[in-house]
Amino acid sequence: MLREGPLRSENHEWIGSLEWDRSDGVVEIFELRLGESVHIDGLGTVTLLRVHPEPLLPDYRDGAWTYAVNVTLDPGVEIMW
């Protein structure tokens, strides 16, 4: 399972983290800057396209997404909803 982790700012640049739960129970954490890609064994290549940081004073009526990523699956990998 791939899920978003914390979002942080460093030197005026957004850095997002992704948590990959492997089938053997190990959790790998990857950090990406906007536009960066990472290859995750057993999944494919993930690119961080956009972030939507939460406001300093949250309005819970706002949209729910935080990250937009593109995933190019490795051969033989299927998405399960």
PDB file of N, CA and C in Angstrom:
ATOM      1  N   MET A   1       0.835  -1.161   0.000  1.00  0.00           N
ATOM      2  CA  MET A   1       0.000   0.000   0.000  1.00  0.00           C
ATOM      3  C   MET A   1       0.889   1.237   0.000  1.00  0.00           C
ATOM      4  N   LEU A   2       0.529   2.212  -0.812  1.00  0.00           N
ATOM      5  CA  LEU A   2       1.246   3.479  -0.879  1.00  0.00           C
ATOM      6  C   LEU A   2       0.343   4.547  -0.279  1.00  0.00           C
ATOM      7  N   ARG A   3       0.884   5.332   0.653  1.00  0.00           N
ATOM      8  CA  ARG A   3       0.092   6.414   1.238  1.00  0.00           C
ATOM      9  C   ARG A   3       0.981   7.621   1.489  1.00  0.00           C
ATOM     10  N   GLU A   4       0.319   8.766   1.588  1.00  0.00           N
ATOM     11  CA  GLU A   4       1.065  10.000   1.829  1.00  0.00           C
ATOM     12  C   GLU A   4       1.498  10.084   3.274  1.00  0.00           C
ATOM     13  N   GLY A   5       2.680  10.638   3.461  1.00  0.00           N
ATOM     14  CA  GLY A   5       3.189  10.903   4.795  1.00  0.00           C
ATOM     15  C   GLY A   5       3.194  12.402   5.020  1.00  0.00           C
ATOM     16  N   PRO A   6       3.942  12.865   6.000  1.00  0.00           N
ATOM     17  CA  PRO A   6       3.976  14.293   6.299  1.00  0.00           C
ATOM     18  C   PRO A   6       4.544  15.126   5.143  1.00  0.00           C
ATOM     19  N   LEU A   7       4.055  16.349   5.050  1.00  0.00           N
ATOM     20  CA  LEU A   7       4.528  17.331   4.090  1.00  0.00           C
ATOM     21  C   LEU A   7       5.277  18.398   4.880  1.00  0.00           C
ATOM     22  N   ARG A   8       6.454  18.799   4.359  1.00  0.00           N
ATOM     23  CA  ARG A   8       7.206  19.831   5.070  1.00  0.00           C
ATOM     24  C   ARG A   8       7.854  20.777   4.064  1.00  0.00           C
ATOM     25  N   SER A   9       8.282  21.908   4.575  1.00  0.00           N
ATOM     26  CA  SER A   9       8.958  22.910   3.761  1.00  0.00           C
ATOM     27  C   SER A   9      10.415  22.985   4.203  1.00  0.00           C
ATOM     28  N   GLU A  10      11.297  23.077   3.218  1.00  0.00           N
ATOM     29  CA  GLU A  10      12.730  23.221   3.502  1.00  0.00           C
ATOM     30  C   GLU A  10      13.299  24.193   2.482  1.00  0.00           C
ATOM     31  N   ASN A  11      13.886  25.284   2.962  1.00  0.00           N
ATOM     32  CA  ASN A  11      14.451  26.303   2.064  1.00  0.00           C
ATOM     33  C   ASN A  11      13.434  26.760   1.015  1.00  0.00           C
ATOM     34  N   HIS A  12      12.201  27.017   1.454  1.00  0.00           N
ATOM     35  CA  HIS A  12      11.122  27.503   0.589  1.00  0.00           C
ATOM     36  C   HIS A  12      10.739  26.495  -0.494  1.00  0.00           C
ATOM     37  N   GLU A  13      10.925  25.222  -0.218  1.00  0.00           N
ATOM     38  CA  GLU A  13      10.612  24.160  -1.182  1.00  0.00           C
ATOM     39  C   GLU A  13       9.799  23.083  -0.467  1.00  0.00           C
ATOM     40  N   TRP A  14       8.715  22.627  -1.097  1.00  0.00           N
ATOM     41  CA  TRP A  14       7.902  21.568  -0.502  1.00  0.00           C
ATOM     42  C   TRP A  14       8.573  20.212  -0.673  1.00  0.00           C
ATOM     43  N   ILE A  15       8.548  19.433   0.392  1.00  0.00           N
ATOM     44  CA  ILE A  15       9.057  18.067   0.368  1.00  0.00           C
ATOM     45  C   ILE A  15       7.958  17.173   0.924  1.00  0.00           C
ATOM     46  N   GLY A  16       7.531  16.226   0.094  1.00  0.00           N
ATOM     47  CA  GLY A  16       6.493  15.293   0.516  1.00  0.00           C
ATOM     48  C   GLY A  16       7.102  13.945   0.827  1.00  0.00           C
ATOM     49  N   SER A  17       6.463  13.209   1.701  1.00  0.00           N
ATOM     50  CA  SER A  17       6.939  11.856   1.991  1.00  0.00           C
ATOM     51  C   SER A  17       5.854  10.857   1.621  1.00  0.00           C
ATOM     52  N   LEU A  18       6.301   9.719   1.148  1.00  0.00           N
ATOM     53  CA  LEU A  18       5.418   8.611   0.802  1.00  0.00           C
ATOM     54  C   LEU A  18       5.815   7.402   1.629  1.00  0.00           C
ATOM     55  N   GLU A  19       4.826   6.697   2.111  1.00  0.00           N
ATOM     56  CA  GLU A  19       5.070   5.482   2.888  1.00  0.00           C
ATOM     57  C   GLU A  19       4.613   4.285   2.056  1.00  0.00           C
ATOM     58  N   TRP A  20       5.526   3.353   1.840  1.00  0.00           N
ATOM     59  CA  TRP A  20       5.250   2.155   1.042  1.00  0.00           C
ATOM     60  C   TRP A  20       5.260   0.962   1.985  1.00  0.00           C
ATOM     61  N   ASP A  21       4.086   0.362   2.189  1.00  0.00           N
ATOM     62  CA  ASP A  21       3.970  -0.858   3.000  1.00  0.00           C
ATOM     63  C   ASP A  21       4.227  -2.045   2.092  1.00  0.00           C
ATOM     64  N   ARG A  22       5.378  -2.667   2.258  1.00  0.00           N
ATOM     65  CA  ARG A  22       5.732  -3.821   1.423  1.00  0.00           C
ATOM     66  C   ARG A  22       4.952  -5.049   1.873  1.00  0.00           C
ATOM     67  N   SER A  23       4.890  -6.039   1.020  1.00  0.00           N
ATOM     68  CA  SER A  23       4.147  -7.270   1.332  1.00  0.00           C
ATOM     69  C   SER A  23       4.794  -8.065   2.461  1.00  0.00           C
ATOM     70  N   ASP A  24       6.084  -7.800   2.746  1.00  0.00           N
ATOM     71  CA  ASP A  24       6.749  -8.508   3.848  1.00  0.00           C
ATOM     72  C   ASP A  24       6.595  -7.777   5.183  1.00  0.00           C
ATOM     73  N   GLY A  25       5.773  -6.692   5.205  1.00  0.00           N
ATOM     74  CA  GLY A  25       5.504  -5.967   6.440  1.00  0.00           C
ATOM     75  C   GLY A  25       6.435  -4.805   6.720  1.00  0.00           C
ATOM     76  N   VAL A  26       7.477  -4.647   5.920  1.00  0.00           N
ATOM     77  CA  VAL A  26       8.412  -3.535   6.105  1.00  0.00           C
ATOM     78  C   VAL A  26       7.812  -2.267   5.498  1.00  0.00           C
ATOM     79  N   VAL A  27       7.961  -1.148   6.195  1.00  0.00           N
ATOM     80  CA  VAL A  27       7.490   0.147   5.692  1.00  0.00           C
ATOM     81  C   VAL A  27       8.705   0.961   5.262  1.00  0.00           C
ATOM     82  N   GLU A  28       8.712   1.369   3.990  1.00  0.00           N
ATOM     83  CA  GLU A  28       9.776   2.219   3.474  1.00  0.00           C
ATOM     84  C   GLU A  28       9.232   3.632   3.330  1.00  0.00           C
ATOM     85  N   ILE A  29      10.047   4.632   3.670  1.00  0.00           N
ATOM     86  CA  ILE A  29       9.640   6.023   3.552  1.00  0.00           C
ATOM     87  C   ILE A  29      10.533   6.704   2.527  1.00  0.00           C
ATOM     88  N   PHE A  30       9.892   7.387   1.588  1.00  0.00           N
ATOM     89  CA  PHE A  30      10.595   8.101   0.526  1.00  0.00           C
ATOM     90  C   PHE A  30      10.232   9.575   0.616  1.00  0.00           C
ATOM     91  N   GLU A  31      11.214  10.453   0.463  1.00  0.00           N
ATOM     92  CA  GLU A  31      10.968  11.888   0.432  1.00  0.00           C
ATOM     93  C   GLU A  31      11.207  12.404  -0.982  1.00  0.00           C
ATOM     94  N   LEU A  32      10.268  13.234  -1.454  1.00  0.00           N
ATOM     95  CA  LEU A  32      10.341  13.764  -2.814  1.00  0.00           C
ATOM     96  C   LEU A  32      10.096  15.263  -2.811  1.00  0.00           C
ATOM     97  N   ARG A  33      10.847  15.967  -3.633  1.00  0.00           N
ATOM     98  CA  ARG A  33      10.567  17.371  -3.912  1.00  0.00           C
ATOM     99  C   ARG A  33       9.655  17.417  -5.137  1.00  0.00           C
ATOM    100  N   LEU A  34       8.994  18.542  -5.343  1.00  0.00           N
ATOM    101  CA  LEU A  34       8.127  18.674  -6.510  1.00  0.00           C
ATOM    102  C   LEU A  34       8.879  18.343  -7.783  1.00  0.00           C
ATOM    103  N   GLY A  35       8.307  17.490  -8.604  1.00  0.00           N
ATOM    104  CA  GLY A  35       8.910  17.099  -9.868  1.00  0.00           C
ATOM    105  C   GLY A  35       9.868  15.935  -9.778  1.00  0.00           C
ATOM    106  N   GLU A  36      10.263  15.529  -8.580  1.00  0.00           N
ATOM    107  CA  GLU A  36      11.192  14.404  -8.427  1.00  0.00           C
ATOM    108  C   GLU A  36      10.460  13.077  -8.555  1.00  0.00           C
ATOM    109  N   SER A  37      11.209  12.081  -8.996  1.00  0.00           N
ATOM    110  CA  SER A  37      10.693  10.718  -9.122  1.00  0.00           C
ATOM    111  C   SER A  37      11.527   9.772  -8.282  1.00  0.00           C
ATOM    112  N   VAL A  38      10.894   8.677  -7.876  1.00  0.00           N
ATOM    113  CA  VAL A  38      11.587   7.617  -7.166  1.00  0.00           C
ATOM    114  C   VAL A  38      11.041   6.290  -7.682  1.00  0.00           C
ATOM    115  N   HIS A  39      11.937   5.305  -7.842  1.00  0.00           N
ATOM    116  CA  HIS A  39      11.481   3.970  -8.216  1.00  0.00           C
ATOM    117  C   HIS A  39      11.318   3.157  -6.933  1.00  0.00           C
ATOM    118  N   ILE A  40      10.130   2.594  -6.770  1.00  0.00           N
ATOM    119  CA  ILE A  40       9.826   1.786  -5.594  1.00  0.00           C
ATOM    120  C   ILE A  40       9.700   0.341  -6.054  1.00  0.00           C
ATOM    121  N   ASP A  41      10.627  -0.514  -5.583  1.00  0.00           N
ATOM    122  CA  ASP A  41      10.598  -1.926  -5.970  1.00  0.00           C
ATOM    123  C   ASP A  41       9.260  -2.541  -5.594  1.00  0.00           C
ATOM    124  N   GLY A  42       8.677  -3.257  -6.530  1.00  0.00           N
ATOM    125  CA  GLY A  42       7.399  -3.905  -6.294  1.00  0.00           C
ATOM    126  C   GLY A  42       6.210  -3.029  -6.633  1.00  0.00           C
ATOM    127  N   LEU A  43       6.461  -1.789  -7.025  1.00  0.00           N
ATOM    128  CA  LEU A  43       5.376  -0.881  -7.407  1.00  0.00           C
ATOM    129  C   LEU A  43       5.657  -0.254  -8.755  1.00  0.00           C
ATOM    130  N   GLY A  44       6.638   0.623  -8.809  1.00  0.00           N
ATOM    131  CA  GLY A  44       6.960   1.327 -10.047  1.00  0.00           C
ATOM    132  C   GLY A  44       7.608   2.658  -9.737  1.00  0.00           C
ATOM    133  N   THR A  45       7.492   3.588 -10.684  1.00  0.00           N
ATOM    134  CA  THR A  45       8.092   4.905 -10.541  1.00  0.00           C
ATOM    135  C   THR A  45       7.012   5.900 -10.143  1.00  0.00           C
ATOM    136  N   VAL A  46       7.276   6.654  -9.071  1.00  0.00           N
ATOM    137  CA  VAL A  46       6.318   7.623  -8.542  1.00  0.00           C
ATOM    138  C   VAL A  46       6.939   9.004  -8.659  1.00  0.00           C
ATOM    139  N   THR A  47       6.170   9.947  -9.215  1.00  0.00           N
ATOM    140  CA  THR A  47       6.608  11.331  -9.379  1.00  0.00           C
ATOM    141  C   THR A  47       5.668  12.238  -8.603  1.00  0.00           C
ATOM    142  N   LEU A  48       6.222  13.136  -7.797  1.00  0.00           N
ATOM    143  CA  LEU A  48       5.411  14.105  -7.054  1.00  0.00           C
ATOM    144  C   LEU A  48       5.096  15.275  -7.985  1.00  0.00           C
ATOM    145  N   LEU A  49       3.807  15.430  -8.326  1.00  0.00           N
ATOM    146  CA  LEU A  49       3.395  16.450  -9.282  1.00  0.00           C
ATOM    147  C   LEU A  49       2.962  17.758  -8.623  1.00  0.00           C
ATOM    148  N   ARG A  50       2.155  17.649  -7.565  1.00  0.00           N
ATOM    149  CA  ARG A  50       1.610  18.847  -6.916  1.00  0.00           C
ATOM    150  C   ARG A  50       1.417  18.571  -5.440  1.00  0.00           C
ATOM    151  N   VAL A  51       1.408  19.639  -4.659  1.00  0.00           N
ATOM    152  CA  VAL A  51       1.031  19.543  -3.254  1.00  0.00           C
ATOM    153  C   VAL A  51      -0.046  20.581  -2.989  1.00  0.00           C
ATOM    154  N   HIS A  52      -0.867  20.304  -2.018  1.00  0.00           N
ATOM    155  CA  HIS A  52      -1.905  21.231  -1.579  1.00  0.00           C
ATOM    156  C   HIS A  52      -1.792  21.298  -0.071  1.00  0.00           C
ATOM    157  N   PRO A  53      -0.892  22.146   0.420  1.00  0.00           N
ATOM    158  CA  PRO A  53      -0.676  22.160   1.864  1.00  0.00           C
ATOM    159  C   PRO A  53      -1.918  22.621   2.606  1.00  0.00           C
ATOM    160  N   GLU A  54      -2.069  22.109   3.814  1.00  0.00           N
ATOM    161  CA  GLU A  54      -3.174  22.533   4.654  1.00  0.00           C
ATOM    162  C   GLU A  54      -2.937  23.967   5.103  1.00  0.00           C
ATOM    163  N   PRO A  55      -4.002  24.758   5.239  1.00  0.00           N
ATOM    164  CA  PRO A  55      -3.822  26.129   5.714  1.00  0.00           C
ATOM    165  C   PRO A  55      -3.375  26.142   7.165  1.00  0.00           C
ATOM    166  N   LEU A  56      -2.767  27.238   7.578  1.00  0.00           N
ATOM    167  CA  LEU A  56      -2.313  27.352   8.961  1.00  0.00           C
ATOM    168  C   LEU A  56      -3.480  27.236   9.938  1.00  0.00           C
ATOM    169  N   LEU A  57      -4.615  27.810   9.588  1.00  0.00           N
ATOM    170  CA  LEU A  57      -5.837  27.675  10.382  1.00  0.00           C
ATOM    171  C   LEU A  57      -6.814  26.877   9.528  1.00  0.00           C
ATOM    172  N   PRO A  58      -6.901  25.576   9.729  1.00  0.00           N
ATOM    173  CA  PRO A  58      -7.666  24.720   8.822  1.00  0.00           C
ATOM    174  C   PRO A  58      -9.151  25.071   8.774  1.00  0.00           C
ATOM    175  N   ASP A  59      -9.684  25.041   7.578  1.00  0.00           N
ATOM    176  CA  ASP A  59     -11.119  25.134   7.344  1.00  0.00           C
ATOM    177  C   ASP A  59     -11.517  23.756   6.834  1.00  0.00           C
ATOM    178  N   TYR A  60     -12.237  23.012   7.615  1.00  0.00           N
ATOM    179  CA  TYR A  60     -12.503  21.613   7.292  1.00  0.00           C
ATOM    180  C   TYR A  60     -13.440  21.438   6.108  1.00  0.00           C
ATOM    181  N   ARG A  61     -13.875  22.544   5.510  1.00  0.00           N
ATOM    182  CA  ARG A  61     -14.682  22.457   4.291  1.00  0.00           C
ATOM    183  C   ARG A  61     -13.789  22.417   3.059  1.00  0.00           C
ATOM    184  N   ASP A  62     -12.489  22.650   3.237  1.00  0.00           N
ATOM    185  CA  ASP A  62     -11.558  22.607   2.106  1.00  0.00           C
ATOM    186  C   ASP A  62     -11.471  21.197   1.532  1.00  0.00           C
ATOM    187  N   GLY A  63     -10.922  21.096   0.326  1.00  0.00           N
ATOM    188  CA  GLY A  63     -10.713  19.794  -0.291  1.00  0.00           C
ATOM    189  C   GLY A  63      -9.810  18.915   0.546  1.00  0.00           C
ATOM    190  N   ALA A  64      -9.824  17.622   0.260  1.00  0.00           N
ATOM    191  CA  ALA A  64      -9.135  16.668   1.118  1.00  0.00           C
ATOM    192  C   ALA A  64      -7.768  16.233   0.599  1.00  0.00           C
ATOM    193  N   TRP A  65      -7.430  16.507  -0.660  1.00  0.00           N
ATOM    194  CA  TRP A  65      -6.163  15.987  -1.171  1.00  0.00           C
ATOM    195  C   TRP A  65      -4.989  16.822  -0.693  1.00  0.00           C
ATOM    196  N   THR A  66      -3.875  16.169  -0.513  1.00  0.00           N
ATOM    197  CA  THR A  66      -2.650  16.836  -0.115  1.00  0.00           C
ATOM    198  C   THR A  66      -1.601  16.726  -1.218  1.00  0.00           C
ATOM    199  N   TYR A  67      -1.485  15.555  -1.840  1.00  0.00           N
ATOM    200  CA  TYR A  67      -0.496  15.318  -2.887  1.00  0.00           C
ATOM    201  C   TYR A  67      -1.185  14.876  -4.163  1.00  0.00           C
ATOM    202  N   ALA A  68      -0.553  15.189  -5.278  1.00  0.00           N
ATOM    203  CA  ALA A  68      -0.922  14.590  -6.556  1.00  0.00           C
ATOM    204  C   ALA A  68       0.341  13.933  -7.080  1.00  0.00           C
ATOM    205  N   VAL A  69       0.265  12.637  -7.369  1.00  0.00           N
ATOM    206  CA  VAL A  69       1.422  11.903  -7.869  1.00  0.00           C
ATOM    207  C   VAL A  69       1.051  11.167  -9.142  1.00  0.00           C
ATOM    208  N   ASN A  70       2.039  10.855  -9.920  1.00  0.00           N
ATOM    209  CA  ASN A  70       1.882   9.979 -11.070  1.00  0.00           C
ATOM    210  C   ASN A  70       2.608   8.685 -10.736  1.00  0.00           C
ATOM    211  N   VAL A  71       1.948   7.550 -10.980  1.00  0.00           N
ATOM    212  CA  VAL A  71       2.564   6.249 -10.738  1.00  0.00           C
ATOM    213  C   VAL A  71       2.626   5.492 -12.058  1.00  0.00           C
ATOM    214  N   THR A  72       3.832   5.125 -12.471  1.00  0.00           N
ATOM    215  CA  THR A  72       4.034   4.261 -13.635  1.00  0.00           C
ATOM    216  C   THR A  72       4.373   2.890 -13.085  1.00  0.00           C
ATOM    217  N   LEU A  73       3.435   1.971 -13.191  1.00  0.00           N
ATOM    218  CA  LEU A  73       3.583   0.648 -12.580  1.00  0.00           C
ATOM    219  C   LEU A  73       4.646  -0.193 -13.278  1.00  0.00           C
ATOM    220  N   ASP A  74       5.357  -0.987 -12.488  1.00  0.00           N
ATOM    221  CA  ASP A  74       6.275  -1.973 -13.030  1.00  0.00           C
ATOM    222  C   ASP A  74       5.474  -3.035 -13.787  1.00  0.00           C
ATOM    223  N   PRO A  75       6.083  -3.699 -14.763  1.00  0.00           N
ATOM    224  CA  PRO A  75       5.396  -4.795 -15.458  1.00  0.00           C
ATOM    225  C   PRO A  75       4.910  -5.851 -14.467  1.00  0.00           C
ATOM    226  N   GLY A  76       3.666  -6.285 -14.642  1.00  0.00           N
ATOM    227  CA  GLY A  76       3.101  -7.308 -13.784  1.00  0.00           C
ATOM    228  C   GLY A  76       2.429  -6.782 -12.521  1.00  0.00           C
ATOM    229  N   VAL A  77       2.532  -5.480 -12.255  1.00  0.00           N
ATOM    230  CA  VAL A  77       1.910  -4.892 -11.074  1.00  0.00           C
ATOM    231  C   VAL A  77       0.530  -4.378 -11.460  1.00  0.00           C
ATOM    232  N   GLU A  78      -0.466  -4.671 -10.635  1.00  0.00           N
ATOM    233  CA  GLU A  78      -1.829  -4.213 -10.886  1.00  0.00           C
ATOM    234  C   GLU A  78      -2.324  -3.390  -9.711  1.00  0.00           C
ATOM    235  N   ILE A  79      -3.169  -2.403  -9.998  1.00  0.00           N
ATOM    236  CA  ILE A  79      -3.774  -1.604  -8.939  1.00  0.00           C
ATOM    237  C   ILE A  79      -4.976  -2.368  -8.382  1.00  0.00           C
ATOM    238  N   MET A  80      -5.056  -2.424  -7.066  1.00  0.00           N
ATOM    239  CA  MET A  80      -6.199  -3.059  -6.402  1.00  0.00           C
ATOM    240  C   MET A  80      -6.876  -1.999  -5.560  1.00  0.00           C
ATOM    241  N   TRP A  81      -8.139  -1.770  -5.789  1.00  0.00           N
ATOM    242  CA  TRP A  81      -8.895  -0.749  -5.042  1.00  0.00           C
ATOM    243  C   TRP A  81      -9.572  -1.353  -3.881  1.00  0.00           C
TER     244      TRP A  81
END
